[in-house]
N, C-alpha and C. Protein backbone atom coordinates (compact mmCIF):
# COMPACT_ATOMS: atom_id res chain seq x y z
N MET A 1 0.44 7.50 -13.75
CA MET A 1 0.59 6.12 -13.36
C MET A 1 1.85 5.93 -12.52
N ILE A 2 2.92 6.59 -12.89
CA ILE A 2 4.18 6.48 -12.15
C ILE A 2 4.02 7.06 -10.75
N VAL A 3 3.34 8.18 -10.64
CA VAL A 3 3.13 8.80 -9.33
C VAL A 3 2.31 7.89 -8.43
N LEU A 4 1.26 7.29 -8.95
CA LEU A 4 0.43 6.38 -8.17
C LEU A 4 1.23 5.15 -7.74
N SER A 5 2.06 4.63 -8.63
CA SER A 5 2.89 3.48 -8.30
C SER A 5 3.87 3.82 -7.18
N ALA A 6 4.46 4.99 -7.26
CA ALA A 6 5.39 5.43 -6.21
C ALA A 6 4.66 5.59 -4.89
N ARG A 7 3.46 6.11 -4.93
CA ARG A 7 2.68 6.30 -3.71
C ARG A 7 2.34 4.95 -3.08
N ILE A 8 1.95 3.99 -3.89
CA ILE A 8 1.62 2.66 -3.39
C ILE A 8 2.82 2.05 -2.67
N LEU A 9 4.01 2.24 -3.21
CA LEU A 9 5.21 1.67 -2.60
C LEU A 9 5.58 2.31 -1.27
N THR A 10 5.08 3.51 -1.01
CA THR A 10 5.45 4.20 0.23
C THR A 10 4.33 4.25 1.27
N VAL A 11 3.23 3.54 1.01
CA VAL A 11 2.14 3.46 1.98
C VAL A 11 2.68 2.76 3.22
N GLY A 12 2.36 3.29 4.39
CA GLY A 12 2.83 2.65 5.61
C GLY A 12 2.65 3.52 6.83
N VAL A 13 3.16 3.04 7.94
CA VAL A 13 3.10 3.74 9.22
C VAL A 13 4.53 3.94 9.68
N TYR A 14 4.89 5.18 9.95
CA TYR A 14 6.26 5.52 10.35
C TYR A 14 6.20 6.23 11.70
N VAL A 15 7.06 5.81 12.62
CA VAL A 15 7.03 6.36 13.97
C VAL A 15 8.33 7.11 14.25
N THR A 16 8.20 8.32 14.79
CA THR A 16 9.35 9.06 15.29
C THR A 16 9.22 9.10 16.81
N SER A 17 10.06 9.85 17.48
CA SER A 17 10.03 9.87 18.94
C SER A 17 8.72 10.44 19.50
N ASP A 18 8.07 11.33 18.76
CA ASP A 18 6.84 11.93 19.30
C ASP A 18 5.66 11.97 18.33
N ARG A 19 5.84 11.42 17.14
CA ARG A 19 4.76 11.45 16.14
C ARG A 19 4.65 10.14 15.39
N VAL A 20 3.48 9.98 14.78
CA VAL A 20 3.22 8.84 13.90
C VAL A 20 2.78 9.42 12.56
N ARG A 21 3.41 8.94 11.50
CA ARG A 21 2.99 9.35 10.16
C ARG A 21 2.22 8.18 9.56
N ILE A 22 0.97 8.43 9.23
CA ILE A 22 0.11 7.42 8.61
C ILE A 22 -0.02 7.81 7.15
N ARG A 23 0.65 7.06 6.31
CA ARG A 23 0.65 7.37 4.87
C ARG A 23 -0.23 6.35 4.16
N ASN A 24 -1.41 6.79 3.75
CA ASN A 24 -2.34 5.96 3.00
C ASN A 24 -2.23 6.31 1.52
N LEU A 25 -3.04 5.69 0.70
CA LEU A 25 -2.91 5.86 -0.74
C LEU A 25 -3.11 7.31 -1.18
N PHE A 26 -4.10 8.00 -0.61
CA PHE A 26 -4.41 9.35 -1.08
C PHE A 26 -4.09 10.46 -0.08
N ILE A 27 -3.81 10.11 1.16
CA ILE A 27 -3.59 11.14 2.17
C ILE A 27 -2.54 10.69 3.18
N THR A 28 -1.77 11.65 3.66
CA THR A 28 -0.79 11.40 4.71
C THR A 28 -1.17 12.25 5.91
N ARG A 29 -1.19 11.63 7.08
CA ARG A 29 -1.50 12.37 8.30
C ARG A 29 -0.37 12.20 9.30
N TRP A 30 0.00 13.28 9.94
CA TRP A 30 0.94 13.26 11.06
C TRP A 30 0.11 13.40 12.32
N VAL A 31 0.32 12.52 13.27
CA VAL A 31 -0.43 12.54 14.53
C VAL A 31 0.58 12.50 15.68
N ARG A 32 0.38 13.37 16.66
CA ARG A 32 1.24 13.32 17.84
C ARG A 32 0.94 12.05 18.63
N MET A 33 1.97 11.41 19.15
CA MET A 33 1.77 10.20 19.95
C MET A 33 0.86 10.49 21.13
N SER A 34 0.96 11.68 21.68
CA SER A 34 0.14 12.03 22.84
C SER A 34 -1.34 12.12 22.48
N ASP A 35 -1.67 12.22 21.20
CA ASP A 35 -3.07 12.27 20.76
C ASP A 35 -3.66 10.88 20.49
N VAL A 36 -2.80 9.85 20.53
CA VAL A 36 -3.25 8.48 20.22
C VAL A 36 -3.69 7.80 21.52
N GLU A 37 -4.89 7.24 21.49
CA GLU A 37 -5.41 6.45 22.61
C GLU A 37 -4.88 5.03 22.52
N LYS A 38 -5.01 4.43 21.31
CA LYS A 38 -4.52 3.06 21.12
C LYS A 38 -4.45 2.73 19.64
N PHE A 39 -3.76 1.65 19.35
CA PHE A 39 -3.72 1.08 18.01
C PHE A 39 -4.44 -0.25 18.08
N SER A 40 -5.18 -0.57 17.02
CA SER A 40 -5.88 -1.85 16.99
C SER A 40 -5.94 -2.34 15.55
N TYR A 41 -6.58 -3.48 15.38
CA TYR A 41 -6.67 -4.10 14.07
C TYR A 41 -8.06 -4.70 13.91
N GLY A 42 -8.71 -4.42 12.80
CA GLY A 42 -10.04 -4.97 12.57
C GLY A 42 -10.73 -4.26 11.44
N PRO A 43 -12.04 -4.44 11.31
CA PRO A 43 -12.79 -3.78 10.24
C PRO A 43 -13.01 -2.30 10.54
N LEU A 44 -12.91 -1.49 9.51
CA LEU A 44 -13.17 -0.05 9.65
C LEU A 44 -13.68 0.46 8.31
N ARG A 45 -14.87 1.02 8.34
CA ARG A 45 -15.51 1.53 7.12
C ARG A 45 -15.48 0.49 6.01
N ILE A 46 -14.80 0.78 4.90
CA ILE A 46 -14.80 -0.14 3.76
C ILE A 46 -13.74 -1.23 3.87
N PHE A 47 -12.90 -1.16 4.87
CA PHE A 47 -11.79 -2.11 5.00
C PHE A 47 -12.19 -3.30 5.87
N PRO A 48 -12.03 -4.54 5.37
CA PRO A 48 -12.39 -5.71 6.17
C PRO A 48 -11.41 -5.98 7.30
N ALA A 49 -10.14 -5.64 7.12
CA ALA A 49 -9.13 -5.87 8.15
C ALA A 49 -7.99 -4.89 7.93
N VAL A 50 -7.88 -3.91 8.83
CA VAL A 50 -6.92 -2.83 8.65
C VAL A 50 -6.43 -2.36 10.02
N GLY A 51 -5.23 -1.79 10.05
CA GLY A 51 -4.75 -1.17 11.27
C GLY A 51 -5.56 0.09 11.55
N ILE A 52 -5.81 0.34 12.83
CA ILE A 52 -6.63 1.49 13.22
C ILE A 52 -5.91 2.27 14.31
N ALA A 53 -5.79 3.57 14.12
CA ALA A 53 -5.28 4.46 15.16
C ALA A 53 -6.50 5.17 15.75
N THR A 54 -6.80 4.87 17.01
CA THR A 54 -7.91 5.54 17.69
C THR A 54 -7.34 6.71 18.46
N LEU A 55 -7.83 7.90 18.16
CA LEU A 55 -7.33 9.10 18.81
C LEU A 55 -8.11 9.38 20.08
N ARG A 56 -7.54 10.20 20.94
CA ARG A 56 -8.19 10.53 22.22
C ARG A 56 -9.53 11.23 22.03
N ASP A 57 -9.71 11.91 20.90
CA ASP A 57 -10.99 12.59 20.65
C ASP A 57 -12.03 11.66 20.03
N GLY A 58 -11.70 10.38 19.89
CA GLY A 58 -12.65 9.39 19.39
C GLY A 58 -12.55 9.09 17.91
N ARG A 59 -11.82 9.92 17.17
CA ARG A 59 -11.67 9.65 15.73
C ARG A 59 -10.86 8.38 15.51
N LYS A 60 -11.16 7.69 14.43
CA LYS A 60 -10.42 6.49 14.06
C LYS A 60 -9.82 6.69 12.68
N LEU A 61 -8.52 6.47 12.57
CA LEU A 61 -7.83 6.63 11.30
C LEU A 61 -7.39 5.27 10.79
N ALA A 62 -7.72 4.96 9.56
CA ALA A 62 -7.28 3.71 8.94
C ALA A 62 -5.80 3.80 8.63
N MET A 63 -5.10 2.69 8.84
CA MET A 63 -3.69 2.58 8.48
C MET A 63 -3.60 1.49 7.41
N THR A 64 -3.78 1.88 6.15
CA THR A 64 -3.85 0.89 5.08
C THR A 64 -2.52 0.21 4.81
N GLY A 65 -1.44 0.72 5.37
CA GLY A 65 -0.15 0.05 5.26
C GLY A 65 -0.12 -1.23 6.08
N ILE A 66 -1.07 -1.35 7.02
CA ILE A 66 -1.22 -2.57 7.83
C ILE A 66 -2.62 -3.08 7.53
N ALA A 67 -2.72 -3.89 6.50
CA ALA A 67 -4.03 -4.39 6.09
C ALA A 67 -3.88 -5.75 5.43
N VAL A 68 -4.93 -6.53 5.50
CA VAL A 68 -4.95 -7.83 4.82
C VAL A 68 -6.31 -7.98 4.14
N GLY A 69 -6.31 -8.59 2.99
CA GLY A 69 -7.54 -8.81 2.25
C GLY A 69 -8.41 -9.90 2.88
N ARG A 70 -9.59 -10.05 2.36
CA ARG A 70 -10.55 -11.02 2.90
C ARG A 70 -10.02 -12.45 2.90
N GLY A 71 -9.27 -12.83 1.88
CA GLY A 71 -8.80 -14.21 1.77
C GLY A 71 -7.42 -14.45 2.36
N ALA A 72 -6.94 -13.53 3.16
CA ALA A 72 -5.58 -13.64 3.69
C ALA A 72 -5.43 -14.85 4.61
N ARG A 73 -4.25 -15.40 4.60
CA ARG A 73 -3.96 -16.54 5.45
C ARG A 73 -3.72 -16.10 6.88
N LYS A 74 -3.77 -17.06 7.79
CA LYS A 74 -3.58 -16.78 9.21
C LYS A 74 -2.23 -16.12 9.47
N ARG A 75 -1.21 -16.53 8.72
CA ARG A 75 0.11 -15.97 8.92
C ARG A 75 0.13 -14.46 8.62
N ALA A 76 -0.53 -14.06 7.54
CA ALA A 76 -0.59 -12.64 7.18
C ALA A 76 -1.31 -11.85 8.26
N ARG A 77 -2.40 -12.40 8.79
CA ARG A 77 -3.13 -11.73 9.87
C ARG A 77 -2.26 -11.64 11.12
N ALA A 78 -1.54 -12.71 11.43
CA ALA A 78 -0.66 -12.71 12.61
C ALA A 78 0.42 -11.65 12.47
N ASN A 79 0.96 -11.46 11.27
CA ASN A 79 1.97 -10.42 11.04
C ASN A 79 1.38 -9.03 11.28
N ALA A 80 0.17 -8.80 10.81
CA ALA A 80 -0.48 -7.50 11.01
C ALA A 80 -0.73 -7.25 12.49
N VAL A 81 -1.20 -8.25 13.20
CA VAL A 81 -1.45 -8.11 14.64
C VAL A 81 -0.13 -7.85 15.38
N SER A 82 0.93 -8.49 14.93
CA SER A 82 2.25 -8.27 15.53
C SER A 82 2.70 -6.81 15.36
N LEU A 83 2.45 -6.24 14.19
CA LEU A 83 2.79 -4.82 13.96
C LEU A 83 1.99 -3.90 14.89
N ILE A 84 0.71 -4.21 15.08
CA ILE A 84 -0.13 -3.41 15.97
C ILE A 84 0.38 -3.52 17.40
N THR A 85 0.79 -4.70 17.82
CA THR A 85 1.34 -4.90 19.16
C THR A 85 2.60 -4.05 19.34
N GLU A 86 3.45 -4.03 18.32
CA GLU A 86 4.67 -3.22 18.39
C GLU A 86 4.34 -1.73 18.47
N LEU A 87 3.35 -1.27 17.72
CA LEU A 87 2.94 0.13 17.80
C LEU A 87 2.44 0.48 19.19
N ASN A 88 1.66 -0.40 19.81
CA ASN A 88 1.18 -0.15 21.17
C ASN A 88 2.32 -0.13 22.17
N GLN A 89 3.35 -0.95 21.97
CA GLN A 89 4.52 -0.90 22.85
C GLN A 89 5.24 0.43 22.72
N LEU A 90 5.39 0.92 21.49
CA LEU A 90 6.02 2.23 21.29
C LEU A 90 5.18 3.34 21.92
N LEU A 91 3.87 3.22 21.85
CA LEU A 91 2.98 4.19 22.47
C LEU A 91 3.17 4.20 23.98
N GLU A 92 3.25 3.03 24.59
CA GLU A 92 3.47 2.94 26.04
C GLU A 92 4.82 3.51 26.43
N GLU A 93 5.86 3.26 25.65
CA GLU A 93 7.18 3.82 25.91
C GLU A 93 7.13 5.35 25.84
N HIS A 94 6.42 5.87 24.85
CA HIS A 94 6.28 7.32 24.72
C HIS A 94 5.59 7.90 25.95
N ARG A 95 4.52 7.25 26.40
CA ARG A 95 3.81 7.72 27.59
C ARG A 95 4.68 7.68 28.82
N ALA A 96 5.48 6.64 28.96
CA ALA A 96 6.39 6.52 30.11
C ALA A 96 7.44 7.64 30.08
N ASP A 97 7.98 7.93 28.89
CA ASP A 97 8.98 9.00 28.75
C ASP A 97 8.37 10.37 29.02
N ALA A 98 7.09 10.54 28.71
CA ALA A 98 6.43 11.84 28.87
C ALA A 98 5.82 12.03 30.25
N SER A 99 5.86 10.99 31.09
CA SER A 99 5.24 11.11 32.42
C SER A 99 5.97 12.14 33.27
N PRO A 100 5.25 12.83 34.18
CA PRO A 100 5.84 13.91 34.96
C PRO A 100 7.01 13.48 35.84
N GLY A 101 7.10 12.22 36.21
CA GLY A 101 8.18 11.75 37.08
C GLY A 101 9.51 11.65 36.40
N LYS A 102 9.58 11.82 35.10
CA LYS A 102 10.85 11.68 34.37
C LYS A 102 11.49 13.01 34.12
């Protein structure tokens, strides 16, 4: 029970200069920023509203650290969308830094 509680507290999305760590309840994935096509927010599989990392190969990874339940208020949804917008800005900055002209 203690391990599960600790895991719940650390669920989230963490960004470094070249990678994204998606830590969900049961699995953690490290993804290179260069492998990410975009970040979005919406329904995915069993989740009614969750952050989504769409990879260049077409796979979609749920980001349960950015999620809202069915009855969430508009403010909670706006906060989640704001986080997705920030992730996309970081993705664009990474692409600009990795471009051949730099």
